[in-house]
Amino acid sequence: MRSEVETEDAIQVSGRIVDVVAGRIFYGEIVAVNGTIRSVHETPVSSERLIMPGFVDAHVHIESSMLPPAAFAQLACVHGTVATVSDPHEIANVLGVAGVEYMMENAATTPFKFYFGAPSCVPATSFETAGATLEAEAVAALLDLPDIRYLAEMMNFPGVLAADPQVMAKIEAARQRHKVIDGHAPGLRGDDACRYAAAGISTDHECFTLEEAEEKLQYGMKIIIREGSAAKNFDTLIPLLERFPDRVMFCSDDKHPDALVAGHINELVARALAHGIDPITVIRAVTLNPVRHYGLDVGLLQPGDPADFIVVDDLRDLTGPTTWISGICVARKGRPLTAPQHARIVNRFHCDEIGAAAIRIKARSGVVRAIKAMDGQIVTGSVEKPIHRRDGLACTDIDQDILKLVVVNRYRKATPAVAFVTGVGLKHGAFAGSVAHDCHNIIAVGVDDNDIVEAINLVIRNQGGLSWASGGETRVLPLPIAGLMSADDGYTVARNYTELDRLVKTAGVTLSSPFMTLSFLALLVIPELKLSDKGLFDGRSFSFVDVFV
């Protein structure tokens, strides 16, 4: 018997079937007609291949791949991903509702299943400048759309705890429409975490200790284990899966293009299996659990389901599966079988180039509060460091790994914000980007003022992008779609990004994902110390602090 037969409107596949609903693996045959599973039969077959539901990324910002949805899908489906629960708040911070509509429009050009949420925090705080604001009325209007499946991560947990009227109106709008509410509350514990969950928040993907996750599970929340390009919590949190098998999901959150070319949710499945966790439990975490929690129209290999499934030779090797979405074969053995259409350009960029004088900072004391960057985390530390002074100015010091950090408002002309950062390791040059969570102003780090402004100006000239500058040597990856995404195909973007990453690391950077870590140094809702276009911000006290001690 052939293990796979495909005609114009029908598919017949045989092998070992992974039934995540019944919780068993058996030999059998699946027949799909016109994109729908017609029958699933248990019968002796010769093939040892495994047939299982396609994987779901339970929380991701598509924009972080630097690709619009259709180009993201082309890369993700190669790894067995058939659907994502996608928060479009990156582009919403730039373009507002029009940005969310852009993502849905582009996503509709591919068979891949994108489930978008209504961004709940645009901007994330009032302590930074975004390109748009989504008040409760706009969020409610988005939630009325059938293609908007949930209220995306409620990052403003102080607003939830204080019962801020706008925050509570957004939550109530989701509850009235019976739509899931996603959470985002890093480090929140005790009574505060209990009250946050009680407001209707159903998930959290920001836990960075096992104890925090266990506590939130006690309060009724589900935990999404995250492993992205910057934040890596898998090893810490994976023990939860065996203890709470129906309340754990996996996500990437933010995935850069080079990492997406290498793998996606399949990597987390393989790592979980390597821990010795039961295969059904692992596969449910990336199929059944998110499908049921979010009410997704994603098939689970049951009669009547959409024909969304993957075929792999062995659970020990999840690379290069054959992937089917709604009965369409979209990838086979590591090769995508679909190509995205050319994406139209949308943007908002209104700032002028700057000179070195704009980022000079007078030394008001001999000690500064420096942001401490941490590899593999989006949380940061706050450390006090003696600063090198020259001609009355506070300067960088590569011997102490103290670099200058700059944020430039890209929506209107304004004075740049300047602070200092440690933990980056850069020895010369500067790198910058218009990806700076969540408002996406321009952020740059460097050793020399001239290199810093050149890196910033490269981004401005290209109306968005990632850049590198060192003593006249420059390189830029343009991101003309909202200053966040490229119109090129994913493999080209990945190659260009890899070259930028190599240049930065050759200059001494020790971070595993330098541009991703840089982008989170502006995310005020993640403790401890961050920099917005308005100044240095303490995420614990939720207030601005002076650069100098």
Protein backbone atom coordinates (compact mmCIF):
# COMPACT_ATOMS: atom_id res chain seq x y z
CA MET A 1 0.00 0.00 0.00
CA ARG A 2 1.34 3.44 -0.88
CA SER A 3 1.74 5.66 2.19
CA GLU A 4 0.59 8.82 0.36
CA VAL A 5 -1.76 9.32 -2.57
CA GLU A 6 -2.83 12.76 -3.81
CA THR A 7 -5.32 13.68 -6.50
CA GLU A 8 -6.79 17.04 -7.48
CA ASP A 9 -9.34 17.06 -4.65
CA ALA A 10 -8.40 14.14 -2.39
CA ILE A 11 -5.51 13.02 -0.18
CA GLN A 12 -4.92 9.55 1.22
CA VAL A 13 -2.12 9.18 3.77
CA SER A 14 -1.19 6.14 5.86
CA GLY A 15 1.19 5.59 8.73
CA ARG A 16 1.16 5.90 12.49
CA ILE A 17 -1.55 8.41 13.38
CA VAL A 18 -1.09 10.65 16.41
CA ASP A 19 -4.58 11.16 17.84
CA VAL A 20 -4.21 14.00 20.35
CA VAL A 21 -7.93 13.94 21.20
CA ALA A 22 -8.06 10.25 22.16
CA GLY A 23 -4.50 10.30 23.44
CA ARG A 24 -3.05 7.42 21.45
CA ILE A 25 -0.89 6.54 18.45
CA PHE A 26 -2.12 3.83 16.06
CA TYR A 27 -1.55 2.49 12.56
CA GLY A 28 -4.11 3.76 10.14
CA GLU A 29 -5.13 5.75 7.11
CA ILE A 30 -6.49 9.26 6.67
CA VAL A 31 -8.57 10.39 3.72
CA ALA A 32 -9.19 14.10 3.10
CA VAL A 33 -11.49 15.47 0.41
CA ASN A 34 -11.69 19.12 -0.64
CA GLY A 35 -9.57 20.21 2.32
CA THR A 36 -11.57 18.33 5.00
CA ILE A 37 -10.77 15.07 6.82
CA ARG A 38 -13.33 12.60 5.44
CA SER A 39 -12.26 9.51 7.41
CA VAL A 40 -9.68 8.17 9.85
CA HIS A 41 -9.37 4.36 9.82
CA GLU A 42 -7.36 2.12 12.10
CA THR A 43 -5.88 -0.49 9.78
CA PRO A 44 -2.57 -2.34 9.27
CA VAL A 45 -0.23 -0.33 7.06
CA SER A 46 3.37 -0.72 5.95
CA SER A 47 4.54 2.81 6.66
CA GLU A 48 6.17 3.78 9.96
CA ARG A 49 5.83 7.50 9.26
CA LEU A 50 3.94 9.60 11.77
CA ILE A 51 0.93 11.71 10.86
CA MET A 52 0.07 14.38 13.42
CA PRO A 53 -1.79 17.69 13.61
CA GLY A 54 0.18 20.72 12.46
CA PHE A 55 1.84 22.85 15.13
CA VAL A 56 0.48 26.10 16.56
CA ASP A 57 2.65 28.95 17.90
CA ALA A 58 0.50 30.10 20.83
CA HIS A 59 1.88 33.65 20.96
CA VAL A 60 3.96 35.48 18.39
CA HIS A 61 4.55 38.92 16.95
CA ILE A 62 4.91 38.22 13.24
CA GLU A 63 6.59 41.60 12.76
CA SER A 64 9.64 40.47 14.78
CA SER A 65 10.53 38.11 11.95
CA MET A 66 10.97 41.29 9.86
CA LEU A 67 8.56 39.68 7.39
CA PRO A 68 4.91 40.35 6.57
CA PRO A 69 2.57 37.43 7.34
CA ALA A 70 2.70 35.64 3.97
CA ALA A 71 6.51 35.64 3.92
CA PHE A 72 6.56 34.47 7.56
CA ALA A 73 4.22 31.63 6.63
CA GLN A 74 6.51 30.47 3.83
CA LEU A 75 9.31 29.88 6.37
CA ALA A 76 7.20 28.60 9.27
CA CYS A 77 5.30 25.92 7.35
CA VAL A 78 8.59 24.25 6.42
CA HIS A 79 8.93 23.37 10.12
CA GLY A 80 5.41 21.98 10.51
CA THR A 81 3.72 25.12 11.81
CA VAL A 82 0.23 25.59 10.38
CA ALA A 83 -1.12 28.38 12.58
CA THR A 84 -0.14 31.21 14.89
CA VAL A 85 -1.90 33.17 17.61
CA SER A 86 -0.57 36.55 16.53
CA ASP A 87 -0.51 39.85 18.40
CA PRO A 88 -0.11 42.67 15.83
CA HIS A 89 0.70 45.33 18.41
CA GLU A 90 4.09 46.09 16.84
CA ILE A 91 2.59 47.50 13.65
CA ALA A 92 -0.39 48.89 15.62
CA ASN A 93 2.02 51.08 17.59
CA VAL A 94 3.17 52.54 14.28
CA LEU A 95 -0.02 52.69 12.21
CA GLY A 96 -2.91 52.01 14.58
CA VAL A 97 -5.96 50.11 13.31
CA ALA A 98 -4.68 50.46 9.73
CA GLY A 99 -1.66 48.38 10.74
CA VAL A 100 -3.82 45.57 12.09
CA GLU A 101 -5.88 45.65 8.89
CA TYR A 102 -2.68 45.46 6.85
CA MET A 103 -1.61 42.29 8.65
CA MET A 104 -5.00 40.64 8.09
CA GLU A 105 -5.00 41.67 4.42
CA ASN A 106 -1.54 40.23 3.79
CA ALA A 107 -2.28 37.08 5.82
CA ALA A 108 -5.32 36.37 3.65
CA THR A 109 -3.05 35.76 0.63
CA THR A 110 -1.70 32.47 2.08
CA PRO A 111 -3.28 29.17 3.19
CA PHE A 112 -1.47 29.52 6.54
CA LYS A 113 -3.82 30.15 9.49
CA PHE A 114 -3.15 33.44 11.26
CA TYR A 115 -5.34 34.25 14.27
CA PHE A 116 -4.90 37.89 15.18
CA GLY A 117 -5.76 39.61 18.45
CA ALA A 118 -6.86 43.16 19.19
CA PRO A 119 -3.81 44.95 20.65
CA SER A 120 -4.66 45.97 24.20
CA CYS A 121 -1.79 48.37 24.94
CA VAL A 122 -1.07 50.85 22.16
CA PRO A 123 1.02 52.51 23.34
CA ALA A 124 2.21 50.20 26.11
CA THR A 125 2.65 53.17 28.47
CA SER A 126 2.21 56.94 28.50
CA PHE A 127 5.94 57.37 29.07
CA GLU A 128 6.91 57.02 25.39
CA THR A 129 5.87 58.24 21.96
CA ALA A 130 4.09 55.90 19.57
CA GLY A 131 2.70 56.47 16.10
CA ALA A 132 -0.85 55.69 17.19
CA THR A 133 -3.17 55.20 20.14
CA LEU A 134 -5.88 52.57 20.44
CA GLU A 135 -8.45 53.59 23.02
CA ALA A 136 -11.13 51.23 24.36
CA GLU A 137 -13.59 52.16 21.61
CA ALA A 138 -11.14 51.21 18.85
CA VAL A 139 -10.24 47.97 20.61
CA ALA A 140 -13.92 47.07 20.97
CA ALA A 141 -14.44 47.73 17.25
CA LEU A 142 -11.58 45.38 16.41
CA LEU A 143 -13.00 42.73 18.72
CA ASP A 144 -16.25 42.92 16.75
CA LEU A 145 -14.43 41.60 13.69
CA PRO A 146 -14.77 37.82 13.27
CA ASP A 147 -11.09 37.56 12.27
CA ILE A 148 -9.98 39.09 15.59
CA ARG A 149 -10.05 36.14 17.97
CA TYR A 150 -8.85 37.50 21.31
CA LEU A 151 -7.68 40.51 23.33
CA ALA A 152 -3.92 40.49 22.94
CA GLU A 153 -1.50 40.57 25.85
CA MET A 154 -2.56 42.98 28.58
CA MET A 155 0.87 44.43 29.34
CA ASN A 156 -0.49 47.23 31.48
CA PHE A 157 -0.78 45.09 34.59
CA PRO A 158 -0.45 48.17 36.85
CA GLY A 159 -3.55 49.50 35.06
CA VAL A 160 -5.39 46.24 35.74
CA LEU A 161 -4.45 46.33 39.43
CA ALA A 162 -5.46 49.99 39.70
CA ALA A 163 -8.72 49.34 37.80
CA ASP A 164 -7.85 52.00 35.22
CA PRO A 165 -11.09 52.81 33.36
CA GLN A 166 -9.61 52.45 29.85
CA VAL A 167 -7.90 49.16 30.71
CA MET A 168 -11.00 47.72 32.32
CA ALA A 169 -13.17 48.83 29.38
CA LYS A 170 -10.95 46.85 27.00
CA ILE A 171 -11.14 43.77 29.22
CA GLU A 172 -14.90 44.11 29.52
CA ALA A 173 -15.25 44.45 25.74
CA ALA A 174 -13.49 41.10 25.32
CA ARG A 175 -15.56 39.44 28.02
CA GLN A 176 -18.83 40.65 26.50
CA ARG A 177 -17.82 39.14 23.17
CA HIS A 178 -16.65 35.90 24.83
CA LYS A 179 -13.12 36.36 23.54
CA VAL A 180 -10.00 35.15 25.33
CA ILE A 181 -7.79 37.69 27.16
CA ASP A 182 -4.03 37.15 27.01
CA GLY A 183 -1.71 38.24 29.78
CA HIS A 184 1.75 39.75 30.19
CA ALA A 185 2.94 40.25 33.76
CA PRO A 186 6.63 39.44 34.25
CA GLY A 187 7.56 38.86 37.87
CA LEU A 188 4.05 39.52 39.20
CA ARG A 189 3.49 37.44 42.33
CA GLY A 190 1.24 37.03 45.34
CA ASP A 191 -2.00 38.95 45.76
CA ASP A 192 -1.21 41.16 42.76
CA ALA A 193 -0.91 38.13 40.47
CA CYS A 194 -4.13 36.71 41.92
CA ARG A 195 -6.03 39.95 41.26
CA TYR A 196 -4.58 40.19 37.75
CA ALA A 197 -5.82 36.68 36.92
CA ALA A 198 -9.20 37.37 38.54
CA ALA A 199 -9.73 40.26 36.09
CA GLY A 200 -10.15 37.62 33.39
CA ILE A 201 -6.56 37.26 32.22
CA SER A 202 -6.17 33.67 31.00
CA THR A 203 -2.50 33.22 30.06
CA ASP A 204 1.02 34.44 30.70
CA HIS A 205 4.09 33.91 28.53
CA GLU A 206 6.39 36.18 30.57
CA CYS A 207 7.25 33.92 33.54
CA PHE A 208 10.99 33.68 34.03
CA THR A 209 11.06 31.52 37.18
CA LEU A 210 9.36 28.21 37.86
CA GLU A 211 7.93 29.50 41.14
CA GLU A 212 6.24 32.43 39.39
CA ALA A 213 4.66 30.15 36.80
CA GLU A 214 3.46 27.68 39.44
CA GLU A 215 1.83 30.50 41.36
CA LYS A 216 0.02 31.82 38.30
CA LEU A 217 -1.22 28.32 37.50
CA GLN A 218 -2.70 28.19 41.00
CA TYR A 219 -4.61 31.38 40.19
CA GLY A 220 -6.18 29.76 37.14
CA MET A 221 -3.92 31.06 34.38
CA LYS A 222 -2.37 28.91 31.66
CA ILE A 223 1.35 29.17 31.02
CA ILE A 224 2.83 29.57 27.55
CA ILE A 225 6.46 28.45 27.57
CA ARG A 226 8.45 30.88 25.46
CA GLU A 227 11.66 30.36 23.54
CA GLY A 228 12.36 33.16 21.11
CA SER A 229 15.39 34.93 19.69
CA ALA A 230 15.90 37.03 22.84
CA ALA A 231 13.80 35.61 25.69
CA LYS A 232 14.51 31.97 26.45
CA ASN A 233 12.47 30.37 29.23
CA PHE A 234 12.10 26.80 27.99
CA ASP A 235 14.68 25.08 30.20
CA THR A 236 13.35 26.82 33.30
CA LEU A 237 9.67 26.10 32.69
CA ILE A 238 9.55 22.73 30.89
CA PRO A 239 9.01 20.78 34.17
CA LEU A 240 5.50 22.29 34.18
CA LEU A 241 4.39 20.27 31.16
CA GLU A 242 4.25 16.88 32.87
CA ARG A 243 2.56 18.29 35.97
CA PHE A 244 0.01 20.47 34.14
CA PRO A 245 -0.30 18.81 30.71
CA ASP A 246 -3.56 20.49 29.72
CA ARG A 247 -2.56 23.99 30.87
CA VAL A 248 0.76 24.52 29.07
CA MET A 249 1.43 25.72 25.53
CA PHE A 250 4.56 26.70 23.58
CA CYS A 251 5.38 29.95 21.78
CA SER A 252 8.22 31.85 20.16
CA ASP A 253 6.93 35.39 20.93
CA ASP A 254 9.66 37.10 18.89
CA LYS A 255 11.63 35.22 16.25
CA HIS A 256 14.25 36.81 14.00
CA PRO A 257 14.44 35.66 10.35
CA ASP A 258 17.67 33.68 10.67
CA ALA A 259 16.23 31.73 13.61
CA LEU A 260 12.97 31.13 11.72
CA VAL A 261 14.87 29.66 8.78
CA ALA A 262 16.55 27.25 11.20
CA GLY A 263 13.41 26.12 13.03
CA HIS A 264 10.22 27.05 14.81
CA ILE A 265 7.88 25.24 17.22
CA ASN A 266 9.30 21.91 16.00
CA GLU A 267 12.50 22.73 17.89
CA LEU A 268 10.60 23.04 21.17
CA VAL A 269 8.75 19.79 20.51
CA ALA A 270 12.07 18.01 19.91
CA ARG A 271 13.56 19.44 23.09
CA ALA A 272 10.54 18.45 25.16
CA LEU A 273 10.71 14.91 23.79
CA ALA A 274 14.42 14.82 24.64
CA HIS A 275 13.41 15.48 28.27
CA GLY A 276 11.62 12.14 28.18
CA ILE A 277 8.12 13.63 28.29
CA ASP A 278 5.35 11.47 26.83
CA PRO A 279 4.94 12.25 23.10
CA ILE A 280 1.16 12.71 23.33
CA THR A 281 1.62 15.25 26.14
CA VAL A 282 4.22 17.16 24.13
CA ILE A 283 2.25 17.21 20.88
CA ARG A 284 -0.93 18.26 22.69
CA ALA A 285 0.92 21.33 24.00
CA VAL A 286 1.38 22.59 20.42
CA THR A 287 -1.92 21.36 18.96
CA LEU A 288 -4.89 20.46 21.16
CA ASN A 289 -4.16 22.91 23.99
CA PRO A 290 -3.93 26.13 21.92
CA VAL A 291 -6.73 25.03 19.55
CA ARG A 292 -9.11 24.54 22.46
CA HIS A 293 -8.00 27.53 24.50
CA TYR A 294 -8.32 30.04 21.66
CA GLY A 295 -11.12 28.27 19.76
CA LEU A 296 -9.06 27.94 16.59
CA ASP A 297 -10.34 26.45 13.34
CA VAL A 298 -7.28 24.22 13.12
CA GLY A 299 -7.66 20.52 12.41
CA LEU A 300 -6.80 17.83 14.98
CA LEU A 301 -7.05 14.84 12.60
CA GLN A 302 -10.69 14.16 13.45
CA PRO A 303 -13.37 13.43 10.81
CA GLY A 304 -14.86 16.75 9.69
CA ASP A 305 -11.76 18.74 10.68
CA PRO A 306 -9.78 20.88 8.24
CA ALA A 307 -6.96 18.83 6.74
CA ASP A 308 -4.17 20.56 8.71
CA PHE A 309 -1.47 18.00 9.43
CA ILE A 310 2.17 17.09 9.04
CA VAL A 311 3.98 13.90 8.12
CA VAL A 312 7.39 13.08 9.60
CA ASP A 313 9.60 10.01 9.30
CA ASP A 314 10.44 9.83 12.99
CA LEU A 315 9.76 11.74 16.21
CA ARG A 316 13.51 11.91 16.75
CA ASP A 317 13.82 14.06 13.63
CA LEU A 318 11.21 16.78 13.19
CA THR A 319 13.12 18.69 10.53
CA GLY A 320 11.64 19.01 7.07
CA PRO A 321 8.14 17.56 7.51
CA THR A 322 5.55 17.49 4.77
CA THR A 323 2.96 20.07 5.79
CA TRP A 324 -0.68 20.29 4.73
CA ILE A 325 -2.99 23.23 5.45
CA SER A 326 -6.65 22.91 4.52
CA GLY A 327 -5.70 20.07 2.17
CA ILE A 328 -3.01 22.10 0.40
CA CYS A 329 0.55 20.75 0.55
CA VAL A 330 2.52 23.88 1.50
CA ALA A 331 5.92 22.34 2.30
CA ARG A 332 7.74 19.11 1.58
CA LYS A 333 11.04 17.89 3.01
CA GLY A 334 12.36 21.30 3.98
CA ARG A 335 11.10 23.11 0.89
CA PRO A 336 8.22 25.60 0.80
CA LEU A 337 5.77 24.96 -2.04
CA THR A 338 4.14 28.39 -1.93
CA ALA A 339 5.58 31.84 -2.64
CA PRO A 340 4.24 35.05 -1.06
CA GLN A 341 2.94 37.83 -3.25
CA HIS A 342 4.83 41.12 -3.23
CA ALA A 343 3.83 43.02 -0.10
CA ARG A 344 2.73 46.63 -0.43
CA ILE A 345 4.62 49.30 1.54
CA VAL A 346 3.00 51.15 4.44
CA ASN A 347 4.91 53.34 6.89
CA ARG A 348 5.05 56.28 9.28
CA PHE A 349 8.44 57.97 9.58
CA HIS A 350 8.84 61.69 10.24
CA CYS A 351 12.22 62.67 11.67
CA ASP A 352 15.36 64.38 10.42
CA GLU A 353 18.92 63.12 10.51
CA ILE A 354 20.92 64.13 13.58
CA GLY A 355 24.48 65.21 14.31
CA ALA A 356 26.91 64.04 16.99
CA ALA A 357 26.21 67.09 19.15
CA ALA A 358 22.62 65.87 19.66
CA ILE A 359 23.72 62.85 21.69
CA ARG A 360 26.41 64.44 23.85
CA ILE A 361 25.53 64.42 27.54
CA LYS A 362 27.06 66.58 30.27
CA ALA A 363 28.46 64.65 33.22
CA ARG A 364 26.43 65.89 36.19
CA SER A 365 28.22 63.44 38.49
CA GLY A 366 30.85 60.71 38.30
CA VAL A 367 28.38 57.82 38.55
CA VAL A 368 25.57 56.73 36.21
CA ARG A 369 22.66 54.34 36.40
CA ALA A 370 23.36 51.89 33.60
CA ILE A 371 20.97 49.41 32.07
CA LYS A 372 22.35 45.88 32.45
CA ALA A 373 21.53 43.82 29.37
CA MET A 374 21.11 40.09 29.97
CA ASP A 375 21.63 37.47 27.29
CA GLY A 376 18.58 35.29 26.70
CA GLN A 377 16.30 37.60 28.69
CA ILE A 378 14.27 40.70 27.98
CA VAL A 379 14.35 41.70 31.64
CA THR A 380 17.26 43.97 32.48
CA GLY A 381 19.18 44.99 35.57
CA SER A 382 20.10 48.38 36.97
CA VAL A 383 23.67 48.98 38.06
CA GLU A 384 25.60 52.03 39.19
CA LYS A 385 28.87 52.56 37.33
CA PRO A 386 31.62 55.18 37.50
CA ILE A 387 31.58 57.09 34.22
CA HIS A 388 34.51 58.20 32.12
CA ARG A 389 34.50 62.00 31.70
CA ARG A 390 36.17 64.10 29.02
CA ASP A 391 35.75 67.86 28.55
CA GLY A 392 32.83 67.80 30.97
CA LEU A 393 30.99 65.13 28.99
CA ALA A 394 30.01 61.63 30.06
CA CYS A 395 31.66 59.15 27.68
CA THR A 396 31.70 55.47 26.90
CA ASP A 397 34.29 53.16 28.43
CA ILE A 398 34.89 49.86 26.64
CA ASP A 399 37.23 48.64 29.41
CA GLN A 400 34.26 48.73 31.79
CA ASP A 401 31.80 47.78 29.03
CA ILE A 402 29.87 51.03 29.41
CA LEU A 403 28.31 52.03 26.09
CA LYS A 404 26.05 54.87 25.05
CA LEU A 405 22.40 54.04 24.38
CA VAL A 406 20.26 56.44 22.34
CA VAL A 407 16.55 56.51 21.46
CA VAL A 408 15.32 58.92 18.76
CA ASN A 409 11.64 59.73 18.25
CA ARG A 410 10.83 58.68 14.69
CA TYR A 411 7.35 60.21 14.59
CA ARG A 412 8.34 63.84 15.01
CA LYS A 413 11.43 65.98 15.53
CA ALA A 414 12.56 65.78 19.17
CA THR A 415 15.69 65.76 21.32
CA PRO A 416 17.19 62.26 21.50
CA ALA A 417 17.17 60.43 24.85
CA VAL A 418 20.61 59.27 25.97
CA ALA A 419 21.65 56.81 28.66
CA PHE A 420 24.24 54.08 29.24
CA VAL A 421 24.19 50.31 29.01
CA THR A 422 26.46 47.47 30.10
CA GLY A 423 26.48 43.79 29.18
CA VAL A 424 26.68 44.30 25.42
CA GLY A 425 30.45 43.93 24.94
CA LEU A 426 30.86 46.09 21.82
CA LYS A 427 34.48 47.24 21.30
CA HIS A 428 34.05 49.58 18.32
CA GLY A 429 31.31 50.97 16.10
CA ALA A 430 27.58 51.16 16.66
CA PHE A 431 24.39 49.39 15.63
CA ALA A 432 20.85 50.68 15.46
CA GLY A 433 17.31 49.77 14.47
CA SER A 434 13.77 51.04 14.06
CA VAL A 435 12.56 47.91 15.84
CA ALA A 436 12.35 49.11 19.45
CA HIS A 437 9.53 47.58 21.45
CA ASP A 438 6.86 48.62 21.63
CA CYS A 439 6.67 52.12 20.14
CA HIS A 440 9.37 51.41 17.56
CA ASN A 441 11.34 54.59 17.74
CA ILE A 442 14.98 54.36 16.64
CA ILE A 443 17.33 52.77 19.16
CA ALA A 444 21.12 52.64 18.90
CA VAL A 445 24.07 51.52 20.99
CA GLY A 446 27.71 52.27 20.37
CA VAL A 447 31.18 53.29 21.40
CA ASP A 448 31.78 56.41 19.31
CA ASP A 449 29.30 59.28 18.90
CA ASN A 450 30.01 59.67 15.19
CA ASP A 451 29.36 55.97 14.55
CA ILE A 452 26.18 56.09 16.65
CA VAL A 453 24.68 58.97 14.68
CA GLU A 454 25.73 57.39 11.37
CA ALA A 455 23.94 54.16 12.35
CA ILE A 456 20.86 56.18 13.32
CA ASN A 457 20.94 58.23 10.13
CA LEU A 458 21.18 55.09 8.00
CA VAL A 459 17.90 53.96 9.55
CA ILE A 460 16.32 57.36 8.91
CA ARG A 461 17.48 57.48 5.27
CA ASN A 462 15.91 54.10 4.65
CA GLN A 463 12.71 54.98 6.51
CA GLY A 464 13.36 52.04 8.80
CA GLY A 465 15.81 49.20 9.13
CA LEU A 466 18.72 47.71 11.04
CA SER A 467 22.17 49.20 10.61
CA TRP A 468 25.85 48.97 11.47
CA ALA A 469 28.50 51.72 11.32
CA SER A 470 32.17 51.70 12.26
CA GLY A 471 34.76 54.20 11.06
CA GLY A 472 33.14 54.70 7.67
CA GLU A 473 32.13 51.06 7.17
CA THR A 474 28.34 50.78 7.00
CA ARG A 475 25.69 48.15 6.39
CA VAL A 476 21.91 48.40 6.48
CA LEU A 477 18.96 46.03 6.19
CA PRO A 478 16.02 48.21 5.03
CA LEU A 479 12.64 47.59 6.68
CA PRO A 480 10.29 49.81 4.67
CA ILE A 481 7.03 48.22 5.88
CA ALA A 482 6.22 50.26 9.00
CA GLY A 483 9.94 50.35 9.79
CA LEU A 484 9.48 46.76 10.97
CA MET A 485 9.35 44.44 7.96
CA SER A 486 11.03 43.87 4.62
CA ALA A 487 9.31 43.40 1.28
CA ASP A 488 11.96 40.84 0.24
CA ASP A 489 11.50 37.09 0.54
CA GLY A 490 12.30 35.50 3.90
CA TYR A 491 15.43 33.69 2.84
CA THR A 492 16.99 36.88 1.45
CA VAL A 493 16.11 38.80 4.61
CA ALA A 494 17.59 36.01 6.73
CA ARG A 495 20.87 36.11 4.80
CA ASN A 496 21.16 39.89 5.09
CA TYR A 497 20.31 39.79 8.78
CA THR A 498 22.89 37.06 9.38
CA GLU A 499 25.58 39.25 7.83
CA LEU A 500 24.64 42.19 10.08
CA ASP A 501 24.64 39.90 13.09
CA ARG A 502 28.11 38.66 12.13
CA LEU A 503 29.51 42.20 11.82
CA VAL A 504 28.20 43.17 15.25
CA LYS A 505 29.55 40.05 16.92
CA THR A 506 32.92 40.45 15.20
CA ALA A 507 33.10 43.85 16.94
CA GLY A 508 32.94 42.17 20.34
CA VAL A 509 29.23 41.79 21.12
CA THR A 510 28.70 38.70 23.27
CA LEU A 511 24.90 38.61 23.10
CA SER A 512 23.42 35.67 21.20
CA SER A 513 20.88 37.94 19.47
CA PRO A 514 22.25 41.52 19.59
CA PHE A 515 19.57 43.31 17.55
CA MET A 516 16.75 41.53 19.35
CA THR A 517 18.19 42.35 22.78
CA LEU A 518 18.71 45.96 21.68
CA SER A 519 15.08 46.21 20.60
CA PHE A 520 13.88 45.26 24.09
CA LEU A 521 16.01 47.88 25.87
CA ALA A 522 13.16 50.29 25.12
CA LEU A 523 10.34 48.06 26.44
CA LEU A 524 9.25 49.93 29.57
CA VAL A 525 6.76 47.32 30.81
CA ILE A 526 9.56 44.79 31.37
CA PRO A 527 11.66 45.52 34.48
CA GLU A 528 14.08 46.79 35.50
CA LEU A 529 15.68 49.76 33.74
CA LYS A 530 14.83 50.81 30.16
CA LEU A 531 15.15 53.85 27.86
CA SER A 532 12.26 55.47 25.98
CA ASP A 533 12.40 58.49 23.69
CA LYS A 534 11.44 60.53 26.78
CA GLY A 535 14.14 59.29 29.14
CA LEU A 536 15.48 56.60 31.46
CA PHE A 537 12.67 54.59 33.04
CA ASP A 538 12.47 52.38 36.12
CA GLY A 539 10.00 49.56 35.49
CA ARG A 540 9.65 48.79 39.20
CA SER A 541 8.53 52.25 40.32
CA PHE A 542 7.00 52.95 36.88
CA SER A 543 8.66 56.36 36.76
CA PHE A 544 11.52 58.19 35.11
CA VAL A 545 14.89 58.28 36.89
CA ASP A 546 17.99 60.39 36.39
CA VAL A 547 20.87 58.94 34.38
CA PHE A 548 23.27 60.29 36.98
CA VAL A 549 23.39 59.16 40.60
